N, C-alpha and C. Protein backbone atom coordinates (compact mmCIF):
# COMPACT_ATOMS: atom_id res chain seq x y z
N MET A 1 130.91 90.25 58.58
CA MET A 1 132.26 90.45 59.06
C MET A 1 132.39 91.63 59.93
N THR A 2 133.07 91.42 61.08
CA THR A 2 133.13 92.60 62.07
C THR A 2 134.29 93.57 61.65
N ALA A 3 134.14 94.86 62.30
CA ALA A 3 135.24 95.87 61.99
C ALA A 3 136.48 95.38 62.49
N GLN A 4 136.56 94.56 63.54
CA GLN A 4 137.93 94.09 63.96
C GLN A 4 138.57 93.21 62.97
N ALA A 5 137.72 92.38 62.19
CA ALA A 5 138.31 91.51 61.22
C ALA A 5 138.89 92.24 59.87
N GLN A 6 138.22 93.35 59.63
CA GLN A 6 138.53 94.19 58.37
C GLN A 6 139.66 95.16 58.57
N PHE A 7 139.87 95.60 59.87
CA PHE A 7 140.67 96.76 60.06
C PHE A 7 141.81 96.42 61.14
N PRO A 8 142.77 97.30 61.31
CA PRO A 8 143.67 97.03 62.42
C PRO A 8 143.06 97.06 63.75
N THR A 9 143.68 96.54 64.73
CA THR A 9 143.14 96.34 66.16
C THR A 9 142.95 97.54 66.87
N HIS A 10 143.68 98.67 66.68
CA HIS A 10 143.62 99.84 67.43
C HIS A 10 143.44 101.00 66.48
N ILE A 11 142.20 101.56 66.47
CA ILE A 11 141.87 102.66 65.51
C ILE A 11 141.30 103.84 66.24
N TRP A 12 141.75 104.94 65.92
CA TRP A 12 141.22 106.26 66.53
C TRP A 12 140.54 106.89 65.32
N LEU A 13 139.22 107.06 65.50
CA LEU A 13 138.47 107.78 64.62
C LEU A 13 138.32 109.29 65.13
N PHE A 14 138.79 110.14 64.30
CA PHE A 14 138.80 111.60 64.61
C PHE A 14 138.20 112.48 63.68
N ASP A 15 137.78 113.73 64.04
CA ASP A 15 137.18 114.71 63.22
C ASP A 15 138.31 115.29 62.24
N GLY A 16 138.30 114.85 60.99
CA GLY A 16 139.38 115.30 60.09
C GLY A 16 139.53 116.73 59.74
N VAL A 17 138.54 117.52 60.13
CA VAL A 17 138.62 119.01 59.81
C VAL A 17 138.94 119.83 60.96
N CYS A 18 138.95 119.26 62.18
CA CYS A 18 139.14 119.92 63.48
C CYS A 18 140.61 120.06 63.71
N ASN A 19 141.16 121.29 63.89
CA ASN A 19 142.48 121.56 64.21
C ASN A 19 142.96 120.93 65.53
N LEU A 20 142.06 120.91 66.54
CA LEU A 20 142.49 120.26 67.78
C LEU A 20 142.68 118.73 67.52
N CYS A 21 141.79 118.14 66.86
CA CYS A 21 141.93 116.70 66.52
C CYS A 21 143.20 116.44 65.70
N HIS A 22 143.44 117.23 64.70
CA HIS A 22 144.63 117.14 63.89
C HIS A 22 145.93 117.14 64.73
N GLU A 23 145.92 118.14 65.61
CA GLU A 23 147.25 118.28 66.58
C GLU A 23 147.26 116.98 67.49
N GLY A 24 146.08 116.47 67.94
CA GLY A 24 146.11 115.26 68.70
C GLY A 24 146.55 114.01 67.96
N VAL A 25 146.30 113.91 66.71
CA VAL A 25 146.84 112.92 65.83
C VAL A 25 148.29 113.02 65.67
N GLN A 26 148.78 114.26 65.42
CA GLN A 26 150.21 114.43 65.33
C GLN A 26 150.90 114.06 66.62
N PHE A 27 150.31 114.33 67.73
CA PHE A 27 150.96 114.00 68.98
C PHE A 27 150.99 112.48 69.19
N VAL A 28 149.98 111.82 68.86
CA VAL A 28 149.88 110.39 69.09
C VAL A 28 150.91 109.67 68.03
N LEU A 29 151.01 110.13 66.84
CA LEU A 29 151.93 109.61 65.98
C LEU A 29 153.40 109.78 66.46
N LYS A 30 153.72 110.88 67.09
CA LYS A 30 155.03 111.09 67.52
C LYS A 30 155.37 110.32 68.73
N HIS A 31 154.31 109.91 69.55
CA HIS A 31 154.57 109.32 70.81
C HIS A 31 154.17 107.78 70.90
N ASP A 32 153.59 107.28 69.80
CA ASP A 32 153.16 105.84 69.81
C ASP A 32 154.35 105.12 69.12
N ARG A 33 155.35 104.77 70.03
CA ARG A 33 156.59 104.25 69.57
C ARG A 33 156.31 102.84 68.94
N GLN A 34 155.36 102.12 69.19
CA GLN A 34 155.09 100.85 68.79
C GLN A 34 154.30 100.86 67.44
N GLY A 35 153.79 101.99 67.05
CA GLY A 35 152.99 102.06 65.80
C GLY A 35 151.80 101.33 65.89
N LEU A 36 151.18 101.03 67.03
CA LEU A 36 149.97 100.29 67.27
C LEU A 36 148.79 101.03 66.83
N ILE A 37 148.69 102.36 66.99
CA ILE A 37 147.54 103.04 66.83
C ILE A 37 147.35 103.48 65.35
N HIS A 38 146.26 103.14 64.73
CA HIS A 38 145.95 103.59 63.39
C HIS A 38 144.88 104.64 63.35
N PHE A 39 144.68 105.28 62.27
CA PHE A 39 143.78 106.50 62.24
C PHE A 39 142.81 106.44 61.05
N ALA A 40 141.63 106.95 61.35
CA ALA A 40 140.74 107.25 60.23
C ALA A 40 139.95 108.56 60.60
N SER A 41 139.92 109.35 59.61
CA SER A 41 139.00 110.58 59.69
C SER A 41 137.56 110.06 59.75
N ILE A 42 136.72 110.67 60.48
CA ILE A 42 135.41 110.30 60.54
C ILE A 42 134.78 110.59 59.08
N GLN A 43 135.32 111.54 58.48
CA GLN A 43 134.72 111.96 57.14
C GLN A 43 135.17 110.99 55.93
N SER A 44 136.17 110.17 56.25
CA SER A 44 136.60 109.17 55.24
C SER A 44 135.65 108.06 55.14
N GLU A 45 135.80 107.29 54.06
CA GLU A 45 134.82 106.19 53.78
C GLU A 45 134.91 105.17 54.89
N ALA A 46 136.24 104.73 55.27
CA ALA A 46 136.33 103.84 56.38
C ALA A 46 135.90 104.33 57.66
N GLY A 47 136.17 105.63 57.89
CA GLY A 47 135.72 106.30 59.16
C GLY A 47 134.22 106.44 59.35
N ARG A 48 133.56 106.72 58.23
CA ARG A 48 132.07 106.84 58.27
C ARG A 48 131.50 105.49 58.64
N LYS A 49 132.06 104.45 57.96
CA LYS A 49 131.57 103.04 58.13
C LYS A 49 131.74 102.67 59.63
N LEU A 50 132.90 102.83 60.13
CA LEU A 50 133.19 102.42 61.51
C LEU A 50 132.43 103.19 62.53
N TYR A 51 132.24 104.53 62.30
CA TYR A 51 131.58 105.45 63.14
C TYR A 51 130.07 105.02 63.21
N SER A 52 129.58 104.77 62.11
CA SER A 52 128.18 104.25 61.95
C SER A 52 127.93 102.94 62.62
N GLU A 53 128.86 101.89 62.44
CA GLU A 53 128.63 100.66 63.05
C GLU A 53 128.65 100.81 64.56
N HIS A 54 129.20 101.81 65.11
CA HIS A 54 129.11 102.01 66.54
C HIS A 54 127.96 103.04 67.11
N GLY A 55 127.01 103.12 66.25
CA GLY A 55 125.86 103.84 66.53
C GLY A 55 125.97 105.36 66.53
N LEU A 56 127.00 105.89 65.85
CA LEU A 56 127.27 107.34 65.87
C LEU A 56 127.06 107.85 64.52
N ASP A 57 126.57 109.16 64.31
CA ASP A 57 126.32 109.74 63.10
C ASP A 57 127.50 110.43 62.55
N PRO A 58 128.14 110.03 61.42
CA PRO A 58 129.19 110.68 60.90
C PRO A 58 129.11 111.92 60.28
N ASP A 59 127.77 112.40 60.16
CA ASP A 59 127.52 113.69 59.67
C ASP A 59 127.47 114.72 60.77
N ALA A 60 127.57 114.21 61.95
CA ALA A 60 127.56 115.12 63.15
C ALA A 60 128.62 114.52 64.21
N PRO A 61 129.88 114.66 63.76
CA PRO A 61 130.97 113.99 64.62
C PRO A 61 131.20 114.76 65.88
N ASP A 62 130.57 114.29 66.99
CA ASP A 62 130.62 115.05 68.26
C ASP A 62 131.51 114.37 69.27
N THR A 63 132.08 113.21 68.87
CA THR A 63 133.05 112.50 69.82
C THR A 63 134.06 111.76 68.95
N MET A 64 135.23 111.59 69.50
CA MET A 64 136.18 110.62 68.87
C MET A 64 135.77 109.30 69.33
N LEU A 65 136.23 108.30 68.62
CA LEU A 65 135.95 106.88 68.98
C LEU A 65 137.28 106.17 68.82
N PHE A 66 137.57 105.42 69.88
CA PHE A 66 138.85 104.72 69.96
C PHE A 66 138.49 103.21 70.03
N ILE A 67 138.84 102.41 68.91
CA ILE A 67 138.33 101.01 68.91
C ILE A 67 139.63 100.21 69.18
N THR A 68 139.47 99.24 70.16
CA THR A 68 140.55 98.32 70.58
C THR A 68 139.96 96.96 70.74
N PRO A 69 140.79 95.93 70.89
CA PRO A 69 140.27 94.62 71.16
C PRO A 69 139.33 94.49 72.43
N ASP A 70 139.65 95.48 73.36
CA ASP A 70 138.87 95.56 74.58
C ASP A 70 137.55 96.28 74.38
N GLY A 71 137.27 96.79 73.18
CA GLY A 71 135.90 97.47 73.01
C GLY A 71 136.16 98.78 72.32
N ALA A 72 135.05 99.48 72.06
CA ALA A 72 134.93 100.85 71.54
C ALA A 72 134.69 101.93 72.54
N PHE A 73 135.68 102.90 72.67
CA PHE A 73 135.60 103.91 73.70
C PHE A 73 135.23 105.33 73.05
N ARG A 74 134.36 105.96 73.76
CA ARG A 74 134.06 107.30 73.22
C ARG A 74 134.14 108.37 74.35
N GLU A 75 134.17 109.54 73.85
CA GLU A 75 134.23 110.78 74.77
C GLU A 75 135.40 110.57 75.61
N SER A 76 135.29 110.96 77.04
CA SER A 76 136.43 110.86 77.97
C SER A 76 137.07 109.51 77.98
N ASP A 77 136.32 108.44 77.97
CA ASP A 77 136.97 107.12 78.00
C ASP A 77 137.88 106.92 76.79
N ALA A 78 137.51 107.45 75.66
CA ALA A 78 138.41 107.31 74.41
C ALA A 78 139.75 108.07 74.71
N ALA A 79 139.66 109.27 75.22
CA ALA A 79 140.82 110.12 75.41
C ALA A 79 141.81 109.48 76.40
N LEU A 80 141.16 108.86 77.56
CA LEU A 80 141.96 108.24 78.52
C LEU A 80 142.61 106.83 78.07
N GLU A 81 141.77 106.05 77.39
CA GLU A 81 142.36 104.85 76.81
C GLU A 81 143.35 105.12 75.75
N LEU A 82 143.14 106.09 74.95
CA LEU A 82 144.20 106.43 73.90
C LEU A 82 145.51 106.81 74.47
N ALA A 83 145.47 107.80 75.50
CA ALA A 83 146.67 108.15 76.25
C ALA A 83 147.37 106.94 76.86
N ALA A 84 146.55 106.12 77.51
CA ALA A 84 147.23 105.00 78.16
C ALA A 84 147.95 104.05 77.30
N TYR A 85 147.54 103.98 75.92
CA TYR A 85 148.21 103.06 75.09
C TYR A 85 149.59 103.68 74.61
N LEU A 86 149.81 104.94 74.86
CA LEU A 86 151.09 105.56 74.58
C LEU A 86 152.12 105.10 75.46
N GLY A 87 151.75 104.51 76.69
CA GLY A 87 152.73 103.97 77.62
C GLY A 87 153.36 105.05 78.37
N GLY A 88 154.45 104.57 79.15
CA GLY A 88 155.20 105.56 79.93
C GLY A 88 154.21 106.28 80.85
N LEU A 89 154.49 107.57 81.20
CA LEU A 89 153.83 108.37 82.06
C LEU A 89 152.47 108.55 81.55
N TRP A 90 152.26 108.47 80.24
CA TRP A 90 150.83 108.63 79.68
C TRP A 90 149.89 107.58 80.23
N SER A 91 150.33 106.50 80.62
CA SER A 91 149.45 105.40 81.06
C SER A 91 148.83 105.85 82.58
N LEU A 92 149.55 106.71 83.10
CA LEU A 92 148.95 107.23 84.43
C LEU A 92 147.70 108.07 84.26
N THR A 93 147.26 108.35 82.95
CA THR A 93 146.09 109.17 82.86
C THR A 93 144.83 108.31 83.17
N ARG A 94 144.99 107.03 83.22
CA ARG A 94 143.74 106.15 83.68
C ARG A 94 143.34 106.43 85.04
N ILE A 95 144.24 107.16 85.85
CA ILE A 95 143.87 107.52 87.20
C ILE A 95 142.55 108.41 87.18
N PHE A 96 142.45 109.19 86.05
CA PHE A 96 141.21 110.04 85.95
C PHE A 96 139.99 109.18 85.94
N LYS A 97 140.01 108.00 85.73
CA LYS A 97 138.76 107.18 85.73
C LYS A 97 138.04 107.12 87.08
N ILE A 98 138.84 107.60 88.10
CA ILE A 98 138.16 107.68 89.40
C ILE A 98 137.12 108.77 89.41
N ILE A 99 137.20 109.75 88.57
CA ILE A 99 136.31 110.81 88.43
C ILE A 99 135.03 110.10 87.61
N PRO A 100 133.79 110.27 88.24
CA PRO A 100 132.75 109.65 87.59
C PRO A 100 132.55 110.07 86.10
N ARG A 101 132.29 109.11 85.34
CA ARG A 101 132.23 109.24 83.83
C ARG A 101 131.30 110.38 83.39
N PRO A 102 130.10 110.61 83.99
CA PRO A 102 129.28 111.69 83.64
C PRO A 102 129.98 113.05 83.83
N LEU A 103 130.78 113.15 84.81
CA LEU A 103 131.55 114.54 84.97
C LEU A 103 132.59 114.61 83.85
N ARG A 104 133.30 113.47 83.69
CA ARG A 104 134.47 113.47 82.64
C ARG A 104 133.80 113.84 81.38
N ASP A 105 132.69 113.18 81.01
CA ASP A 105 132.08 113.32 79.66
C ASP A 105 131.63 114.70 79.53
N ARG A 106 131.05 115.30 80.54
CA ARG A 106 130.47 116.76 80.49
C ARG A 106 131.56 117.69 80.12
N ALA A 107 132.80 117.43 80.81
CA ALA A 107 133.98 118.24 80.34
C ALA A 107 134.52 118.11 79.04
N TYR A 108 134.52 116.78 78.49
CA TYR A 108 134.84 116.43 77.18
C TYR A 108 133.86 117.11 76.21
N LEU A 109 132.59 116.94 76.32
CA LEU A 109 131.63 117.35 75.49
C LEU A 109 131.62 118.96 75.42
N PHE A 110 131.90 119.55 76.49
CA PHE A 110 132.03 121.09 76.40
C PHE A 110 133.15 121.48 75.53
N ILE A 111 134.28 120.83 75.63
CA ILE A 111 135.40 121.21 74.67
C ILE A 111 134.99 120.82 73.29
N ALA A 112 134.44 119.72 73.10
CA ALA A 112 134.00 119.11 71.81
C ALA A 112 133.12 120.12 71.10
N ARG A 113 132.11 120.68 71.81
CA ARG A 113 131.14 121.70 71.22
C ARG A 113 131.87 122.99 70.88
N HIS A 114 132.87 123.36 71.55
CA HIS A 114 133.59 124.59 71.25
C HIS A 114 134.86 124.51 70.42
N ARG A 115 135.25 123.27 69.95
CA ARG A 115 136.54 123.04 69.38
C ARG A 115 136.77 123.79 67.99
N TYR A 116 135.79 124.01 67.29
CA TYR A 116 136.00 124.82 66.04
C TYR A 116 136.12 126.21 66.40
N GLN A 117 135.45 126.83 67.32
CA GLN A 117 135.45 128.14 67.74
C GLN A 117 136.75 128.41 68.41
N TRP A 118 137.27 127.57 69.15
CA TRP A 118 138.49 127.79 69.94
C TRP A 118 139.75 127.51 69.14
N PHE A 119 139.76 126.36 68.36
CA PHE A 119 140.96 125.90 67.62
C PHE A 119 140.82 126.06 66.10
N GLY A 120 139.67 126.29 65.53
CA GLY A 120 139.61 126.41 64.19
C GLY A 120 139.24 125.11 63.48
N LYS A 121 139.03 125.25 62.13
CA LYS A 121 138.59 124.11 61.35
C LYS A 121 139.27 124.28 59.97
N LYS A 122 139.62 123.14 59.37
CA LYS A 122 140.22 123.10 58.15
C LYS A 122 139.09 122.76 57.11
N ASP A 123 139.32 122.99 55.80
CA ASP A 123 138.33 122.64 54.73
C ASP A 123 138.37 121.20 54.39
N ALA A 124 139.45 120.63 54.74
CA ALA A 124 139.62 119.19 54.40
C ALA A 124 140.75 118.50 55.35
N CYS A 125 140.59 117.25 55.50
CA CYS A 125 141.64 116.62 56.42
C CYS A 125 142.99 116.65 55.65
N PRO A 126 144.03 117.10 56.33
CA PRO A 126 145.32 117.25 55.77
C PRO A 126 145.91 115.77 55.48
N LEU A 127 146.77 115.71 54.47
CA LEU A 127 147.46 114.29 54.19
C LEU A 127 148.51 114.11 55.21
N PRO A 128 148.61 112.82 55.59
CA PRO A 128 149.71 112.60 56.58
C PRO A 128 151.07 112.71 55.90
N ARG A 129 152.19 112.80 56.68
CA ARG A 129 153.47 112.70 56.15
C ARG A 129 153.78 111.30 55.48
N PRO A 130 154.61 111.19 54.49
CA PRO A 130 154.69 109.83 53.90
C PRO A 130 155.08 108.74 54.66
N GLU A 131 155.94 109.00 55.79
CA GLU A 131 156.24 107.85 56.64
C GLU A 131 155.21 107.43 57.56
N TRP A 132 154.04 108.09 57.59
CA TRP A 132 152.90 107.73 58.45
C TRP A 132 151.69 107.29 57.68
N ARG A 133 151.78 107.32 56.33
CA ARG A 133 150.63 107.07 55.52
C ARG A 133 150.06 105.55 55.79
N ASP A 134 150.91 104.65 56.19
CA ASP A 134 150.43 103.27 56.27
C ASP A 134 149.58 103.24 57.63
N ARG A 135 149.64 104.23 58.39
CA ARG A 135 148.91 104.17 59.74
C ARG A 135 147.47 104.69 59.56
N PHE A 136 147.15 105.27 58.35
CA PHE A 136 145.76 105.73 58.08
C PHE A 136 145.03 104.83 57.20
N LEU A 137 143.82 104.62 57.49
CA LEU A 137 142.94 103.66 56.68
C LEU A 137 142.70 104.12 55.31
N ASP A 138 142.43 105.40 55.25
CA ASP A 138 142.22 106.01 53.82
C ASP A 138 142.17 107.48 53.79
């Protein structure tokens, strides 16, 4: 059985202990008016399973993963696709795809490598607000 058959169609896998990632999740929750995007921390059981299924090591979460019916996106492609799904002006972020992916990914990975140093880290993934719990896989 595929990940798409077991889970919602649009899933953002994020580092659940990263403060930057946590703020990103809060931002998407507030701006995803359709409630299309679901979430799983890479450290959760579902997150570990999906992250591994896409060839990534859940014990070394160095990129977010955004899974859609159009495919699984990582690094800068994940960020751009995720923003585009928010609609409105956010869909204009796709214009950054004109920048060659290796350059975009280099910038993404630079931030990812320094995210704990710059933004801090939590001991555990915070629980979502009650009205958003159904958007989290576990």
